[in-house]
Amino acid sequence: NIVNNLTSVITAPKKITSQEYLNTGYYPIIDQSQ
């Protein structure tokens, strides 16, 4: 089958802007960096 039929896309409640990134916290922020 194709990937589109095997998965669903999840939309985040909201995106964290780069200005809001913290050096430490409870939850990691994930983007496409290595």
Full PDB file with SEQRES, HELIX, SHEET, SSBOND, CRYST1, ORIGX, SCALE, CONECT and MASTER records, all heavy atoms in Angstrom:
SEQRES   1 A   34  ASN ILE VAL ASN ASN LEU THR SER VAL ILE THR ALA PRO          
SEQRES   2 A   34  LYS LYS ILE THR SER GLN GLU TYR LEU ASN THR GLY TYR          
SEQRES   3 A   34  TYR PRO ILE ILE ASP GLN SER GLN                              
HELIX    1 AA1 VAL A    3  LEU A    6  1                                   4    
HELIX    2 AA2 SER A   18  GLU A   20  5                                   3    
CRYST1    1.000    1.000    1.000  90.00  90.00  90.00 P 1           1          
ORIGX1      1.000000  0.000000  0.000000        0.00000                         
ORIGX2      0.000000  1.000000  0.000000        0.00000                         
ORIGX3      0.000000  0.000000  1.000000        0.00000                         
SCALE1      1.000000  0.000000  0.000000        0.00000                         
SCALE2      0.000000  1.000000  0.000000        0.00000                         
SCALE3      0.000000  0.000000  1.000000        0.00000                         
ATOM      1  N   ASN A   1       0.860  -1.173   0.000  1.00  0.00           N  
ATOM      2  CA  ASN A   1       0.000   0.000   0.000  1.00  0.00           C  
ATOM      3  C   ASN A   1       0.899   1.226   0.000  1.00  0.00           C  
ATOM      4  O   ASN A   1       2.110   1.108   0.198  1.00  0.00           O  
ATOM      5  CB  ASN A   1      -0.931   0.007   1.217  1.00  0.00           C  
ATOM      6  CG  ASN A   1      -2.278   0.641   0.907  1.00  0.00           C  
ATOM      7  OD1 ASN A   1      -2.348   1.606   0.137  1.00  0.00           O  
ATOM      8  ND2 ASN A   1      -3.337   0.108   1.507  1.00  0.00           N  
ATOM      9  N   ILE A   2       0.313   2.379  -0.188  1.00  0.00           N  
ATOM     10  CA  ILE A   2       1.118   3.598  -0.169  1.00  0.00           C  
ATOM     11  C   ILE A   2       1.117   4.193   1.237  1.00  0.00           C  
ATOM     12  O   ILE A   2       0.213   3.942   2.038  1.00  0.00           O  
ATOM     13  CB  ILE A   2       0.629   4.642  -1.196  1.00  0.00           C  
ATOM     14  CG1 ILE A   2      -0.817   5.045  -0.907  1.00  0.00           C  
ATOM     15  CG2 ILE A   2       0.797   4.112  -2.614  1.00  0.00           C  
ATOM     16  CD1 ILE A   2      -1.306   6.197  -1.781  1.00  0.00           C  
ATOM     17  N   VAL A   3       2.141   4.996   1.533  1.00  0.00           N  
ATOM     18  CA  VAL A   3       2.299   5.587   2.869  1.00  0.00           C  
ATOM     19  C   VAL A   3       1.051   6.358   3.285  1.00  0.00           C  
ATOM     20  O   VAL A   3       0.619   6.310   4.437  1.00  0.00           O  
ATOM     21  CB  VAL A   3       3.541   6.510   2.906  1.00  0.00           C  
ATOM     22  CG1 VAL A   3       3.579   7.327   4.192  1.00  0.00           C  
ATOM     23  CG2 VAL A   3       4.816   5.693   2.748  1.00  0.00           C  
ATOM     24  N   ASN A   4       0.448   7.054   2.346  1.00  0.00           N  
ATOM     25  CA  ASN A   4      -0.717   7.878   2.659  1.00  0.00           C  
ATOM     26  C   ASN A   4      -1.870   7.055   3.226  1.00  0.00           C  
ATOM     27  O   ASN A   4      -2.654   7.541   4.052  1.00  0.00           O  
ATOM     28  CB  ASN A   4      -1.181   8.624   1.409  1.00  0.00           C  
ATOM     29  CG  ASN A   4      -2.158   9.738   1.728  1.00  0.00           C  
ATOM     30  OD1 ASN A   4      -1.905  10.560   2.602  1.00  0.00           O  
ATOM     31  ND2 ASN A   4      -3.279   9.770   1.023  1.00  0.00           N  
ATOM     32  N   ASN A   5      -1.992   5.766   2.785  1.00  0.00           N  
ATOM     33  CA  ASN A   5      -3.068   4.903   3.268  1.00  0.00           C  
ATOM     34  C   ASN A   5      -2.692   4.155   4.547  1.00  0.00           C  
ATOM     35  O   ASN A   5      -3.557   3.544   5.175  1.00  0.00           O  
ATOM     36  CB  ASN A   5      -3.451   3.891   2.187  1.00  0.00           C  
ATOM     37  CG  ASN A   5      -4.088   4.550   0.977  1.00  0.00           C  
ATOM     38  OD1 ASN A   5      -4.647   5.644   1.084  1.00  0.00           O  
ATOM     39  ND2 ASN A   5      -3.981   3.909  -0.180  1.00  0.00           N  
ATOM     40  N   LEU A   6      -1.403   4.193   4.897  1.00  0.00           N  
ATOM     41  CA  LEU A   6      -0.929   3.480   6.079  1.00  0.00           C  
ATOM     42  C   LEU A   6      -0.734   4.398   7.287  1.00  0.00           C  
ATOM     43  O   LEU A   6      -0.516   3.917   8.398  1.00  0.00           O  
ATOM     44  CB  LEU A   6       0.405   2.785   5.773  1.00  0.00           C  
ATOM     45  CG  LEU A   6       0.381   1.740   4.649  1.00  0.00           C  
ATOM     46  CD1 LEU A   6       1.796   1.276   4.352  1.00  0.00           C  
ATOM     47  CD2 LEU A   6      -0.506   0.568   5.037  1.00  0.00           C  
ATOM     48  N   THR A   7      -0.839   5.696   7.046  1.00  0.00           N  
ATOM     49  CA  THR A   7      -0.587   6.663   8.129  1.00  0.00           C  
ATOM     50  C   THR A   7      -1.631   7.769   8.115  1.00  0.00           C  
ATOM     51  O   THR A   7      -2.349   7.965   7.131  1.00  0.00           O  
ATOM     52  CB  THR A   7       0.804   7.308   7.969  1.00  0.00           C  
ATOM     53  OG1 THR A   7       0.836   8.043   6.732  1.00  0.00           O  
ATOM     54  CG2 THR A   7       1.913   6.274   7.991  1.00  0.00           C  
ATOM     55  N   SER A   8      -1.682   8.469   9.212  1.00  0.00           N  
ATOM     56  CA  SER A   8      -2.464   9.703   9.274  1.00  0.00           C  
ATOM     57  C   SER A   8      -1.531  10.822   9.728  1.00  0.00           C  
ATOM     58  O   SER A   8      -0.566  10.577  10.458  1.00  0.00           O  
ATOM     59  CB  SER A   8      -3.644   9.569  10.247  1.00  0.00           C  
ATOM     60  OG  SER A   8      -3.186   9.188  11.524  1.00  0.00           O  
ATOM     61  N   VAL A   9      -1.802  12.030   9.282  1.00  0.00           N  
ATOM     62  CA  VAL A   9      -0.970  13.177   9.636  1.00  0.00           C  
ATOM     63  C   VAL A   9      -1.533  13.831  10.888  1.00  0.00           C  
ATOM     64  O   VAL A   9      -2.729  14.103  10.986  1.00  0.00           O  
ATOM     65  CB  VAL A   9      -0.917  14.195   8.481  1.00  0.00           C  
ATOM     66  CG1 VAL A   9      -0.117  15.435   8.903  1.00  0.00           C  
ATOM     67  CG2 VAL A   9      -0.303  13.565   7.246  1.00  0.00           C  
ATOM     68  N   ILE A  10      -0.665  14.057  11.866  1.00  0.00           N  
ATOM     69  CA  ILE A  10      -1.070  14.711  13.113  1.00  0.00           C  
ATOM     70  C   ILE A  10      -0.675  16.185  13.045  1.00  0.00           C  
ATOM     71  O   ILE A  10       0.446  16.521  12.669  1.00  0.00           O  
ATOM     72  CB  ILE A  10      -0.392  14.046  14.322  1.00  0.00           C  
ATOM     73  CG1 ILE A  10      -0.939  12.627  14.502  1.00  0.00           C  
ATOM     74  CG2 ILE A  10      -0.590  14.860  15.586  1.00  0.00           C  
ATOM     75  CD1 ILE A  10      -0.302  11.876  15.632  1.00  0.00           C  
ATOM     76  N   THR A  11      -1.596  17.036  13.396  1.00  0.00           N  
ATOM     77  CA  THR A  11      -1.325  18.472  13.450  1.00  0.00           C  
ATOM     78  C   THR A  11      -1.085  18.885  14.895  1.00  0.00           C  
ATOM     79  O   THR A  11      -1.900  18.579  15.774  1.00  0.00           O  
ATOM     80  CB  THR A  11      -2.502  19.281  12.876  1.00  0.00           C  
ATOM     81  OG1 THR A  11      -2.749  18.842  11.529  1.00  0.00           O  
ATOM     82  CG2 THR A  11      -2.194  20.766  12.873  1.00  0.00           C  
ATOM     83  N   ALA A  12       0.017  19.534  15.127  1.00  0.00           N  
ATOM     84  CA  ALA A  12       0.337  19.988  16.488  1.00  0.00           C  
ATOM     85  C   ALA A  12      -0.676  21.034  16.940  1.00  0.00           C  
ATOM     86  O   ALA A  12      -1.204  21.799  16.113  1.00  0.00           O  
ATOM     87  CB  ALA A  12       1.743  20.582  16.511  1.00  0.00           C  
ATOM     88  N   PRO A  13      -0.989  21.078  18.241  1.00  0.00           N  
ATOM     89  CA  PRO A  13      -1.919  22.103  18.741  1.00  0.00           C  
ATOM     90  C   PRO A  13      -1.497  23.511  18.350  1.00  0.00           C  
ATOM     91  O   PRO A  13      -2.322  24.356  18.031  1.00  0.00           O  
ATOM     92  CB  PRO A  13      -1.866  21.916  20.261  1.00  0.00           C  
ATOM     93  CG  PRO A  13      -1.413  20.507  20.459  1.00  0.00           C  
ATOM     94  CD  PRO A  13      -0.504  20.205  19.313  1.00  0.00           C  
ATOM     95  N   LYS A  14      -0.188  23.741  18.364  1.00  0.00           N  
ATOM     96  CA  LYS A  14       0.386  25.002  17.884  1.00  0.00           C  
ATOM     97  C   LYS A  14       1.891  24.815  17.750  1.00  0.00           C  
ATOM     98  O   LYS A  14       2.465  23.877  18.308  1.00  0.00           O  
ATOM     99  CB  LYS A  14       0.071  26.153  18.837  1.00  0.00           C  
ATOM    100  CG  LYS A  14       0.708  26.053  20.212  1.00  0.00           C  
ATOM    101  CD  LYS A  14       0.358  27.284  21.039  1.00  0.00           C  
ATOM    102  CE  LYS A  14       1.002  27.234  22.417  1.00  0.00           C  
ATOM    103  NZ  LYS A  14       0.673  28.416  23.224  1.00  0.00           N  
ATOM    104  N   LYS A  15       2.521  25.686  16.983  1.00  0.00           N  
ATOM    105  CA  LYS A  15       3.970  25.646  16.825  1.00  0.00           C  
ATOM    106  C   LYS A  15       4.618  26.613  17.813  1.00  0.00           C  
ATOM    107  O   LYS A  15       4.080  27.686  18.073  1.00  0.00           O  
ATOM    108  CB  LYS A  15       4.383  26.020  15.394  1.00  0.00           C  
ATOM    109  CG  LYS A  15       3.970  25.018  14.340  1.00  0.00           C  
ATOM    110  CD  LYS A  15       4.473  25.453  12.970  1.00  0.00           C  
ATOM    111  CE  LYS A  15       4.046  24.459  11.889  1.00  0.00           C  
ATOM    112  NZ  LYS A  15       4.540  24.886  10.555  1.00  0.00           N  
ATOM    113  N   ILE A  16       5.750  26.194  18.322  1.00  0.00           N  
ATOM    114  CA  ILE A  16       6.522  27.072  19.208  1.00  0.00           C  
ATOM    115  C   ILE A  16       7.462  27.898  18.339  1.00  0.00           C  
ATOM    116  O   ILE A  16       8.237  27.340  17.554  1.00  0.00           O  
ATOM    117  CB  ILE A  16       7.349  26.256  20.235  1.00  0.00           C  
ATOM    118  CG1 ILE A  16       6.455  25.290  21.018  1.00  0.00           C  
ATOM    119  CG2 ILE A  16       8.109  27.181  21.168  1.00  0.00           C  
ATOM    120  CD1 ILE A  16       5.471  25.960  21.945  1.00  0.00           C  
ATOM    121  N   THR A  17       7.389  29.208  18.453  1.00  0.00           N  
ATOM    122  CA  THR A  17       8.279  30.063  17.663  1.00  0.00           C  
ATOM    123  C   THR A  17       9.701  29.972  18.214  1.00  0.00           C  
ATOM    124  O   THR A  17       9.906  29.680  19.404  1.00  0.00           O  
ATOM    125  CB  THR A  17       7.822  31.530  17.696  1.00  0.00           C  
ATOM    126  OG1 THR A  17       7.921  32.016  19.043  1.00  0.00           O  
ATOM    127  CG2 THR A  17       6.379  31.655  17.217  1.00  0.00           C  
ATOM    128  N   SER A  18      10.667  30.227  17.358  1.00  0.00           N  
ATOM    129  CA  SER A  18      12.071  30.106  17.773  1.00  0.00           C  
ATOM    130  C   SER A  18      12.408  31.041  18.932  1.00  0.00           C  
ATOM    131  O   SER A  18      13.279  30.742  19.747  1.00  0.00           O  
ATOM    132  CB  SER A  18      12.998  30.380  16.584  1.00  0.00           C  
ATOM    133  OG  SER A  18      12.721  31.649  16.013  1.00  0.00           O  
ATOM    134  N   GLN A  19      11.695  32.171  19.032  1.00  0.00           N  
ATOM    135  CA  GLN A  19      11.951  33.105  20.141  1.00  0.00           C  
ATOM    136  C   GLN A  19      11.512  32.532  21.489  1.00  0.00           C  
ATOM    137  O   GLN A  19      11.963  32.993  22.543  1.00  0.00           O  
ATOM    138  CB  GLN A  19      11.216  34.435  19.898  1.00  0.00           C  
ATOM    139  CG  GLN A  19      11.745  35.255  18.727  1.00  0.00           C  
ATOM    140  CD  GLN A  19      11.147  34.805  17.407  1.00  0.00           C  
ATOM    141  OE1 GLN A  19      10.346  33.872  17.358  1.00  0.00           O  
ATOM    142  NE2 GLN A  19      11.540  35.477  16.326  1.00  0.00           N  
ATOM    143  N   GLU A  20      10.631  31.521  21.439  1.00  0.00           N  
ATOM    144  CA  GLU A  20      10.103  30.937  22.686  1.00  0.00           C  
ATOM    145  C   GLU A  20      10.901  29.715  23.151  1.00  0.00           C  
ATOM    146  O   GLU A  20      10.606  29.158  24.203  1.00  0.00           O  
ATOM    147  CB  GLU A  20       8.641  30.524  22.482  1.00  0.00           C  
ATOM    148  CG  GLU A  20       7.702  31.665  22.165  1.00  0.00           C  
ATOM    149  CD  GLU A  20       6.296  31.172  21.871  1.00  0.00           C  
ATOM    150  OE1 GLU A  20       6.066  30.639  20.756  1.00  0.00           O  
ATOM    151  OE2 GLU A  20       5.426  31.303  22.767  1.00  0.00           O  
ATOM    152  N   TYR A  21      11.893  29.278  22.374  1.00  0.00           N  
ATOM    153  CA  TYR A  21      12.665  28.091  22.756  1.00  0.00           C  
ATOM    154  C   TYR A  21      13.387  28.327  24.076  1.00  0.00           C  
ATOM    155  O   TYR A  21      13.984  29.377  24.296  1.00  0.00           O  
ATOM    156  CB  TYR A  21      13.716  27.752  21.690  1.00  0.00           C  
ATOM    157  CG  TYR A  21      13.179  27.239  20.376  1.00  0.00           C  
ATOM    158  CD1 TYR A  21      11.815  27.190  20.100  1.00  0.00           C  
ATOM    159  CD2 TYR A  21      14.052  26.807  19.384  1.00  0.00           C  
ATOM    160  CE1 TYR A  21      11.348  26.722  18.894  1.00  0.00           C  
ATOM    161  CE2 TYR A  21      13.585  26.328  18.160  1.00  0.00           C  
ATOM    162  CZ  TYR A  21      12.228  26.298  17.923  1.00  0.00           C  
ATOM    163  OH  TYR A  21      11.749  25.838  16.721  1.00  0.00           O  
ATOM    164  N   LEU A  22      13.346  27.328  24.952  1.00  0.00           N  
ATOM    165  CA  LEU A  22      14.072  27.377  26.220  1.00  0.00           C  
ATOM    166  C   LEU A  22      15.265  26.418  26.167  1.00  0.00           C  
ATOM    167  O   LEU A  22      15.259  25.441  25.423  1.00  0.00           O  
ATOM    168  CB  LEU A  22      13.150  26.967  27.374  1.00  0.00           C  
ATOM    169  CG  LEU A  22      11.865  27.780  27.563  1.00  0.00           C  
ATOM    170  CD1 LEU A  22      11.039  27.170  28.705  1.00  0.00           C  
ATOM    171  CD2 LEU A  22      12.173  29.244  27.848  1.00  0.00           C  
ATOM    172  N   ASN A  23      16.281  26.715  26.973  1.00  0.00           N  
ATOM    173  CA  ASN A  23      17.444  25.819  27.046  1.00  0.00           C  
ATOM    174  C   ASN A  23      17.117  24.544  27.812  1.00  0.00           C  
ATOM    175  O   ASN A  23      17.692  23.490  27.554  1.00  0.00           O  
ATOM    176  CB  ASN A  23      18.626  26.527  27.695  1.00  0.00           C  
ATOM    177  CG  ASN A  23      19.179  27.640  26.818  1.00  0.00           C  
ATOM    178  OD1 ASN A  23      19.149  27.537  25.601  1.00  0.00           O  
ATOM    179  ND2 ASN A  23      19.661  28.701  27.434  1.00  0.00           N  
ATOM    180  N   THR A  24      16.211  24.634  28.753  1.00  0.00           N  
ATOM    181  CA  THR A  24      15.735  23.468  29.504  1.00  0.00           C  
ATOM    182  C   THR A  24      14.233  23.606  29.712  1.00  0.00           C  
ATOM    183  O   THR A  24      13.687  24.707  29.651  1.00  0.00           O  
ATOM    184  CB  THR A  24      16.431  23.348  30.878  1.00  0.00           C  
ATOM    185  OG1 THR A  24      16.172  24.543  31.649  1.00  0.00           O  
ATOM    186  CG2 THR A  24      17.932  23.156  30.726  1.00  0.00           C  
ATOM    187  N   GLY A  25      13.571  22.490  29.953  1.00  0.00           N  
ATOM    188  CA  GLY A  25      12.131  22.520  30.176  1.00  0.00           C  
ATOM    189  C   GLY A  25      11.586  21.109  30.310  1.00  0.00           C  
ATOM    190  O   GLY A  25      12.340  20.130  30.320  1.00  0.00           O  
ATOM    191  N   TYR A  26      10.269  20.993  30.382  1.00  0.00           N  
ATOM    192  CA  TYR A  26       9.642  19.681  30.563  1.00  0.00           C  
ATOM    193  C   TYR A  26       9.500  18.917  29.247  1.00  0.00           C  
ATOM    194  O   TYR A  26       9.545  17.687  29.224  1.00  0.00           O  
ATOM    195  CB  TYR A  26       8.268  19.835  31.202  1.00  0.00           C  
ATOM    196  CG  TYR A  26       8.307  20.290  32.648  1.00  0.00           C  
ATOM    197  CD1 TYR A  26       7.758  21.509  33.020  1.00  0.00           C  
ATOM    198  CD2 TYR A  26       8.900  19.499  33.634  1.00  0.00           C  
ATOM    199  CE1 TYR A  26       7.793  21.936  34.345  1.00  0.00           C  
ATOM    200  CE2 TYR A  26       8.945  19.919  34.951  1.00  0.00           C  
ATOM    201  CZ  TYR A  26       8.392  21.143  35.308  1.00  0.00           C  
ATOM    202  OH  TYR A  26       8.447  21.563  36.604  1.00  0.00           O  
ATOM    203  N   TYR A  27       9.279  19.649  28.150  1.00  0.00           N  
ATOM    204  CA  TYR A  27       8.985  18.977  26.888  1.00  0.00           C  
ATOM    205  C   TYR A  27       9.971  19.420  25.798  1.00  0.00           C  
ATOM    206  O   TYR A  27      10.221  20.614  25.625  1.00  0.00           O  
ATOM    207  CB  TYR A  27       7.557  19.305  26.430  1.00  0.00           C  
ATOM    208  CG  TYR A  27       6.513  18.942  27.444  1.00  0.00           C  
ATOM    209  CD1 TYR A  27       5.913  19.932  28.225  1.00  0.00           C  
ATOM    210  CD2 TYR A  27       6.138  17.615  27.644  1.00  0.00           C  
ATOM    211  CE1 TYR A  27       4.957  19.600  29.189  1.00  0.00           C  
ATOM    212  CE2 TYR A  27       5.184  17.271  28.585  1.00  0.00           C  
ATOM    213  CZ  TYR A  27       4.601  18.267  29.366  1.00  0.00           C  
ATOM    214  OH  TYR A  27       3.667  17.937  30.318  1.00  0.00           O  
ATOM    215  N   PRO A  28      10.510  18.468  25.027  1.00  0.00           N  
ATOM    216  CA  PRO A  28      11.408  18.839  23.932  1.00  0.00           C  
ATOM    217  C   PRO A  28      10.630  19.435  22.769  1.00  0.00           C  
ATOM    218  O   PRO A  28       9.480  19.070  22.519  1.00  0.00           O  
ATOM    219  CB  PRO A  28      12.050  17.510  23.540  1.00  0.00           C  
ATOM    220  CG  PRO A  28      11.061  16.472  23.945  1.00  0.00           C  
ATOM    221  CD  PRO A  28      10.369  17.001  25.167  1.00  0.00           C  
ATOM    222  N   ILE A  29      11.275  20.346  22.079  1.00  0.00           N  
ATOM    223  CA  ILE A  29      10.721  20.912  20.840  1.00  0.00           C  
ATOM    224  C   ILE A  29      11.463  20.258  19.684  1.00  0.00           C  
ATOM    225  O   ILE A  29      12.688  20.194  19.678  1.00  0.00           O  
ATOM    226  CB  ILE A  29      10.924  22.447  20.792  1.00  0.00           C  
ATOM    227  CG1 ILE A  29      10.255  23.115  22.000  1.00  0.00           C  
ATOM    228  CG2 ILE A  29      10.360  23.017  19.491  1.00  0.00           C  
ATOM    229  CD1 ILE A  29      10.622  24.578  22.151  1.00  0.00           C  
ATOM    230  N   ILE A  30      10.703  19.773  18.712  1.00  0.00           N  
ATOM    231  CA  ILE A  30      11.304  19.034  17.607  1.00  0.00           C  
ATOM    232  C   ILE A  30      11.080  19.777  16.298  1.00  0.00           C  
ATOM    233  O   ILE A  30       9.981  20.252  16.017  1.00  0.00           O  
ATOM    234  CB  ILE A  30      10.714  17.607  17.528  1.00  0.00           C  
ATOM    235  CG1 ILE A  30      11.230  16.794  18.720  1.00  0.00           C  
ATOM    236  CG2 ILE A  30      11.076  16.930  16.212  1.00  0.00           C  
ATOM    237  CD1 ILE A  30      10.679  15.403  18.790  1.00  0.00           C  
ATOM    238  N   ASP A  31      12.173  19.900  15.522  1.00  0.00           N  
ATOM    239  CA  ASP A  31      12.045  20.397  14.156  1.00  0.00           C  
ATOM    240  C   ASP A  31      12.853  19.491  13.244  1.00  0.00           C  
ATOM    241  O   ASP A  31      13.167  18.355  13.603  1.00  0.00           O  
ATOM    242  CB  ASP A  31      12.444  21.877  14.057  1.00  0.00           C  
ATOM    243  CG  ASP A  31      13.929  22.110  14.293  1.00  0.00           C  
ATOM    244  OD1 ASP A  31      14.703  21.121  14.365  1.00  0.00           O  
ATOM    245  OD2 ASP A  31      14.338  23.283  14.400  1.00  0.00           O  
ATOM    246  N   GLN A  32      13.210  19.969  12.063  1.00  0.00           N  
ATOM    247  CA  GLN A  32      13.853  19.104  11.076  1.00  0.00           C  
ATOM    248  C   GLN A  32      15.376  19.144  11.158  1.00  0.00           C  
ATOM    249  O   GLN A  32      16.046  18.625  10.268  1.00  0.00           O  
ATOM    250  CB  GLN A  32      13.424  19.518   9.685  1.00  0.00           C  
ATOM    251  CG  GLN A  32      13.832  20.940   9.345  1.00  0.00           C  
ATOM    252  CD  GLN A  32      13.449  21.307   7.936  1.00  0.00           C  
ATOM    253  OE1 GLN A  32      13.098  20.454   7.149  1.00  0.00           O  
ATOM    254  NE2 GLN A  32      13.519  22.574   7.625  1.00  0.00           N  
ATOM    255  N   SER A  33      15.934  19.744  12.188  1.00  0.00           N  
ATOM    256  CA  SER A  33      17.390  19.803  12.293  1.00  0.00           C  
ATOM    257  C   SER A  33      17.967  18.403  12.481  1.00  0.00           C  
ATOM    258  O   SER A  33      17.265  17.465  12.859  1.00  0.00           O  
ATOM    259  CB  SER A  33      17.801  20.697  13.469  1.00  0.00           C  
ATOM    260  OG  SER A  33      17.334  20.163  14.686  1.00  0.00           O  
ATOM    261  N   GLN A  34      19.269  18.272  12.249  1.00  0.00           N  
ATOM    262  CA  GLN A  34      19.915  16.966  12.289  1.00  0.00           C  
ATOM    263  C   GLN A  34      19.729  16.294  13.653  1.00  0.00           C  
ATOM    264  O   GLN A  34      19.480  15.104  13.739  1.00  0.00           O  
ATOM    265  CB  GLN A  34      21.412  17.126  11.982  1.00  0.00           C  
ATOM    266  CG  GLN A  34      22.153  15.822  11.804  1.00  0.00           C  
ATOM    267  CD  GLN A  34      21.719  15.051  10.568  1.00  0.00           C  
ATOM    268  OE1 GLN A  34      21.483  15.636   9.509  1.00  0.00           O  
ATOM    269  NE2 GLN A  34      21.596  13.749  10.683  1.00  0.00           N  
TER     270      GLN A  34                                                      
MASTER        0    0    0    2    0    0    0    6  269    1    0    3          
END                                                                             
